[in-house]
């Protein structure tokens, strides 16, 4: 169990929950304005049916093993999503850590990649390491086989290919960074003993103040669609939608580059 991470998550979710979403927490006219954002600790405790003292101890990382019933009540009080509920259960040690050993990509999964044809796609594991890709991804992005294995990571690509691959179109950079931090927050709770994953998180936090700030937000809500911009040497500026699908029964995600019809990016994906 990670007491500190659980405490941090509960506090940040409480502070991010607007009182208007909890009718019992709406201040009556004339009551002194709130000094801090979000709900008060006593409001969360009342909603969850626990004592204020116990909830304060949770936020101070002073509770060893909160019960499943307490966590379920807090999850409801804090209006957590399914993904956030699972994250809380992992932080509290109610779901055993997963193993992150490398497994070969199944032949049928590689075949699926190849049969996507002109749609650039690759597979990433829980660390966002790129473990397989198709020819369309090589043609559009880069020859992944030429990148050293330790650097062949979807989150490092914008750093390695800085002149060609931007994280997102102007105005959407924050969404991409939040997505990256949320993915790694989820992975770190699922694989708490994965040293390579911890090193990647530390590296990204050291290189990117925006990532470090997003990491502190402790957001784990998944985003299945993102925008990404490429500066292609031959085709110019191209904006793509990234679709991410979790492959059932595995730790792999399929990432596909698609494009809005009648755009330069869509033309770039059209077979000639």
Protein backbone atom coordinates (compact mmCIF):
# COMPACT_ATOMS: atom_id res chain seq x y z
CA UNK A 1 0.00 0.00 0.00
CA UNK A 2 1.15 3.54 -0.81
CA UNK A 3 -0.21 5.68 2.03
CA UNK A 4 1.32 8.90 0.69
CA UNK A 5 -0.07 8.43 -2.83
CA UNK A 6 -3.52 7.50 -1.49
CA UNK A 7 -3.51 10.57 0.77
CA UNK A 8 -2.43 12.82 -2.10
CA UNK A 9 -5.08 11.42 -4.44
CA UNK A 10 -7.91 11.86 -1.93
CA UNK A 11 -6.86 15.42 -1.13
CA UNK A 12 -6.59 16.45 -4.78
CA UNK A 13 -9.92 14.91 -5.71
CA UNK A 14 -11.58 16.63 -2.75
CA UNK A 15 -10.09 19.99 -3.73
CA UNK A 16 -11.16 19.54 -7.37
CA UNK A 17 -14.79 18.68 -6.57
CA UNK A 18 -16.96 21.77 -6.89
CA UNK A 19 -19.50 22.15 -4.07
CA UNK A 20 -22.29 22.63 -6.63
CA UNK A 21 -21.93 18.92 -7.53
CA UNK A 22 -22.76 17.97 -3.92
CA UNK A 23 -26.09 19.57 -2.90
CA UNK A 24 -25.42 19.00 0.82
CA UNK A 25 -22.21 21.01 0.51
CA UNK A 26 -23.73 24.16 -1.03
CA UNK A 27 -23.25 27.07 1.36
CA UNK A 28 -26.41 28.86 2.51
CA UNK A 29 -26.70 32.61 1.88
CA UNK A 30 -24.64 34.65 4.29
CA UNK A 31 -22.19 31.90 5.22
CA UNK A 32 -18.53 32.87 5.14
CA UNK A 33 -16.87 32.20 1.77
CA UNK A 34 -14.66 29.14 1.42
CA UNK A 35 -10.97 29.80 1.92
CA UNK A 36 -9.86 26.75 -0.08
CA UNK A 37 -11.13 25.18 -3.32
CA UNK A 38 -13.39 22.14 -3.40
CA UNK A 39 -15.14 20.42 -0.53
CA UNK A 40 -14.25 20.70 3.13
CA UNK A 41 -12.96 17.56 4.87
CA UNK A 42 -16.01 17.44 7.12
CA UNK A 43 -18.28 17.50 4.06
CA UNK A 44 -16.52 14.51 2.51
CA UNK A 45 -16.59 12.65 5.83
CA UNK A 46 -20.32 13.31 6.23
CA UNK A 47 -21.05 12.14 2.69
CA UNK A 48 -19.03 8.95 3.28
CA UNK A 49 -20.45 8.25 6.73
CA UNK A 50 -17.10 8.30 8.53
CA UNK A 51 -15.66 10.54 11.22
CA UNK A 52 -13.85 13.73 10.32
CA UNK A 53 -10.88 12.59 12.39
CA UNK A 54 -10.58 9.34 10.43
CA UNK A 55 -10.78 11.15 7.09
CA UNK A 56 -8.17 13.67 8.20
CA UNK A 57 -5.86 10.79 9.12
CA UNK A 58 -6.39 9.31 5.65
CA UNK A 59 -5.33 12.58 4.02
CA UNK A 60 -2.33 12.69 6.35
CA UNK A 61 -1.23 9.15 5.34
CA UNK A 62 -1.76 7.90 8.90
CA UNK A 63 -4.16 5.01 8.15
CA UNK A 64 -2.62 1.62 7.39
CA UNK A 65 -5.41 -0.33 5.71
CA UNK A 66 -8.74 1.40 5.07
CA UNK A 67 -11.51 -1.13 4.54
CA UNK A 68 -13.13 -1.77 1.14
CA UNK A 69 -16.37 -0.36 2.57
CA UNK A 70 -14.70 2.91 3.57
CA UNK A 71 -13.01 3.28 0.18
CA UNK A 72 -16.29 2.56 -1.63
CA UNK A 73 -18.07 5.21 0.44
CA UNK A 74 -15.30 7.74 -0.18
CA UNK A 75 -15.32 6.96 -3.90
CA UNK A 76 -19.03 7.74 -4.01
CA UNK A 77 -18.63 10.89 -1.90
CA UNK A 78 -15.84 12.16 -4.16
CA UNK A 79 -17.78 11.27 -7.34
CA UNK A 80 -14.93 9.09 -8.63
CA UNK A 81 -15.04 7.47 -12.06
CA UNK A 82 -14.58 3.71 -12.51
CA UNK A 83 -10.93 4.28 -13.43
CA UNK A 84 -10.40 6.40 -10.30
CA UNK A 85 -12.10 3.79 -8.09
CA UNK A 86 -9.76 1.11 -9.39
CA UNK A 87 -6.80 3.43 -8.83
CA UNK A 88 -7.82 4.02 -5.20
CA UNK A 89 -8.18 0.28 -4.62
CA UNK A 90 -4.68 -0.30 -6.00
CA UNK A 91 -3.16 2.46 -3.89
CA UNK A 92 -4.82 0.96 -0.81
CA UNK A 93 -3.41 -2.48 -1.59
CA UNK A 94 -6.80 -4.07 -2.22
CA UNK A 95 -5.76 -5.13 -5.73
CA UNK A 96 -2.43 -7.01 -5.87
CA UNK A 97 0.35 -5.42 -7.96
CA UNK A 98 0.53 -6.71 -11.52
CA UNK A 99 3.67 -8.22 -12.99
CA UNK A 100 5.33 -6.29 -15.80
CA UNK A 101 7.54 -8.92 -17.35
CA UNK A 102 8.09 -8.59 -21.09
CA UNK A 103 6.09 -11.02 -23.19
CA UNK A 104 6.37 -11.62 -26.92
CA UNK A 105 3.78 -9.89 -29.09
CA UNK A 106 1.40 -12.63 -30.29
CA UNK A 107 1.56 -13.47 -33.98
CA UNK A 108 -2.13 -12.68 -34.46
CA UNK A 109 -1.61 -9.23 -32.94
CA UNK A 110 1.25 -8.50 -35.33
CA UNK A 111 -0.95 -9.69 -38.17
CA UNK A 112 -3.66 -7.24 -37.09
CA UNK A 113 -1.11 -4.41 -37.21
CA UNK A 114 -0.09 -5.34 -40.73
CA UNK A 115 -3.70 -5.65 -41.89
CA UNK A 116 -4.45 -2.07 -40.86
CA UNK A 117 -2.83 -1.25 -44.19
CA UNK A 118 -2.35 2.48 -44.73
CA UNK A 119 -3.33 3.41 -41.13
CA UNK A 120 -0.14 4.13 -39.15
CA UNK A 121 -0.24 2.13 -35.92
CA UNK A 122 1.97 0.74 -33.21
CA UNK A 123 1.67 -1.21 -29.96
CA UNK A 124 2.80 0.09 -26.58
CA UNK A 125 3.09 -1.66 -23.24
CA UNK A 126 2.35 -0.27 -19.77
CA UNK A 127 5.53 1.84 -19.86
CA UNK A 128 4.56 3.20 -23.29
CA UNK A 129 7.50 1.34 -24.84
CA UNK A 130 6.80 0.72 -28.52
CA UNK A 131 6.97 -3.05 -28.98
CA UNK A 132 5.61 -3.45 -32.53
CA UNK A 133 4.61 -1.24 -35.48
CA UNK A 134 3.47 -1.44 -39.08
CA UNK A 135 4.98 -0.17 -42.31
CA UNK A 136 2.59 2.79 -42.45
CA UNK A 137 3.92 4.04 -39.09
CA UNK A 138 7.48 3.77 -40.38
CA UNK A 139 6.59 5.70 -43.54
CA UNK A 140 4.82 8.50 -41.64
CA UNK A 141 6.80 8.85 -38.41
CA UNK A 142 10.18 7.12 -38.36
CA UNK A 143 11.92 3.77 -38.67
CA UNK A 144 11.40 2.56 -35.12
CA UNK A 145 13.84 -0.28 -35.70
CA UNK A 146 16.70 2.25 -35.90
CA UNK A 147 15.91 3.70 -32.46
CA UNK A 148 17.75 2.02 -29.56
CA UNK A 149 15.37 -0.19 -27.58
CA UNK A 150 15.80 1.87 -24.39
CA UNK A 151 14.64 5.01 -26.25
CA UNK A 152 11.85 3.40 -28.28
CA UNK A 153 9.12 4.89 -26.15
CA UNK A 154 6.01 6.79 -27.23
CA UNK A 155 6.54 9.43 -24.55
CA UNK A 156 10.15 10.03 -25.52
CA UNK A 157 9.44 10.39 -29.25
CA UNK A 158 8.71 14.15 -29.06
CA UNK A 159 12.12 14.56 -27.41
CA UNK A 160 13.97 12.32 -29.87
CA UNK A 161 12.21 13.69 -32.98
CA UNK A 162 11.86 17.27 -31.79
CA UNK A 163 12.09 18.83 -35.26
CA UNK A 164 9.42 16.59 -36.71
CA UNK A 165 7.06 15.38 -34.02
CA UNK A 166 5.22 17.86 -31.83
CA UNK A 167 3.18 16.75 -28.86
CA UNK A 168 -0.02 18.49 -29.95
CA UNK A 169 -1.38 21.31 -32.12
CA UNK A 170 -1.21 24.80 -30.60
CA UNK A 171 -3.73 25.20 -27.82
CA UNK A 172 -3.97 21.47 -27.11
CA UNK A 173 -0.55 20.85 -25.55
CA UNK A 174 -1.96 20.68 -22.03
CA UNK A 175 -4.35 17.87 -22.92
CA UNK A 176 -1.48 15.78 -24.28
CA UNK A 177 0.65 16.32 -21.18
CA UNK A 178 -2.28 15.49 -18.89
CA UNK A 179 -2.91 12.33 -20.90
CA UNK A 180 0.73 11.30 -20.56
CA UNK A 181 0.79 11.88 -16.81
CA UNK A 182 -2.52 10.07 -16.31
CA UNK A 183 -1.29 7.02 -18.21
CA UNK A 184 1.86 6.84 -16.13
CA UNK A 185 0.00 7.43 -12.85
CA UNK A 186 -2.20 4.44 -13.66
CA UNK A 187 0.77 2.32 -14.67
CA UNK A 188 2.79 3.21 -11.57
CA UNK A 189 -0.05 2.08 -9.29
CA UNK A 190 -0.45 -1.13 -11.26
CA UNK A 191 3.29 -1.89 -11.41
CA UNK A 192 4.73 -0.27 -8.25
CA UNK A 193 7.99 -2.27 -8.35
CA UNK A 194 8.82 -1.57 -12.01
CA UNK A 195 12.16 0.25 -11.80
CA UNK A 196 12.26 1.17 -15.49
CA UNK A 197 8.82 2.78 -15.19
CA UNK A 198 9.94 4.81 -12.17
CA UNK A 199 13.06 5.94 -14.02
CA UNK A 200 10.96 7.05 -17.01
CA UNK A 201 8.65 9.10 -14.78
CA UNK A 202 11.61 10.76 -13.06
CA UNK A 203 13.23 11.51 -16.42
CA UNK A 204 10.09 13.12 -17.85
CA UNK A 205 9.53 15.16 -14.68
CA UNK A 206 13.12 16.43 -14.82
CA UNK A 207 12.89 17.35 -18.51
CA UNK A 208 9.41 18.85 -18.57
CA UNK A 209 8.01 21.25 -15.94
CA UNK A 210 4.58 20.82 -17.57
CA UNK A 211 4.75 17.06 -17.06
CA UNK A 212 5.91 17.52 -13.47
CA UNK A 213 2.92 19.77 -12.79
CA UNK A 214 0.52 17.33 -14.46
CA UNK A 215 2.01 14.48 -12.44
CA UNK A 216 1.28 16.36 -9.22
CA UNK A 217 -2.38 16.72 -10.29
CA UNK A 218 -2.71 12.93 -9.78
CA UNK A 219 -5.23 12.59 -12.62
CA UNK A 220 -5.87 9.03 -13.84
CA UNK A 221 -8.86 9.58 -16.13
CA UNK A 222 -8.23 7.87 -19.47
CA UNK A 223 -8.35 9.78 -22.74
CA UNK A 224 -8.94 7.58 -25.77
CA UNK A 225 -8.58 10.32 -28.41
CA UNK A 226 -5.89 12.99 -28.73
CA UNK A 227 -4.61 15.37 -31.38
CA UNK A 228 -1.00 15.25 -32.54
CA UNK A 229 0.86 17.42 -35.03
CA UNK A 230 3.67 16.27 -37.32
CA UNK A 231 6.05 18.46 -39.28
CA UNK A 232 6.78 16.12 -42.17
CA UNK A 233 9.83 16.93 -44.27
CA UNK A 234 7.97 16.19 -47.51
CA UNK A 235 4.27 16.58 -46.71
CA UNK A 236 4.32 19.64 -44.47
CA UNK A 237 2.28 20.18 -41.29
CA UNK A 238 -0.17 17.35 -40.59
CA UNK A 239 -2.70 17.10 -37.74
CA UNK A 240 -3.82 13.61 -36.69
CA UNK A 241 -6.25 12.09 -34.23
CA UNK A 242 -4.66 9.40 -32.07
CA UNK A 243 -7.02 6.57 -31.18
CA UNK A 244 -5.91 4.31 -28.33
CA UNK A 245 -7.47 0.89 -27.72
CA UNK A 246 -6.63 -1.54 -24.91
CA UNK A 247 -6.22 -5.07 -26.24
CA UNK A 248 -8.26 -7.50 -24.15
CA UNK A 249 -6.32 -9.98 -22.07
CA UNK A 250 -2.99 -8.18 -22.38
CA UNK A 251 -1.02 -5.17 -21.16
CA UNK A 252 -0.80 -3.81 -24.71
CA UNK A 253 -2.49 -0.77 -26.24
CA UNK A 254 -3.01 -0.17 -29.94
CA UNK A 255 -2.31 3.42 -31.03
CA UNK A 256 -3.61 4.45 -34.46
CA UNK A 257 -3.15 7.69 -36.41
CA UNK A 258 -6.36 8.74 -38.19
CA UNK A 259 -7.29 11.99 -39.90
CA UNK A 260 -10.29 14.19 -40.60
CA UNK A 261 -11.51 13.72 -44.21
CA UNK A 262 -10.41 16.27 -46.81
CA UNK A 263 -7.37 17.44 -44.86
CA UNK A 264 -3.67 17.23 -45.75
CA UNK A 265 -3.30 14.51 -43.11
CA UNK A 266 -6.08 12.44 -44.70
CA UNK A 267 -4.45 12.88 -48.11
CA UNK A 268 -1.16 11.67 -46.63
CA UNK A 269 -2.84 8.44 -45.50
CA UNK A 270 -4.53 7.79 -48.83
CA UNK A 271 -2.75 5.06 -50.83
CA UNK A 272 -1.33 6.33 -54.12
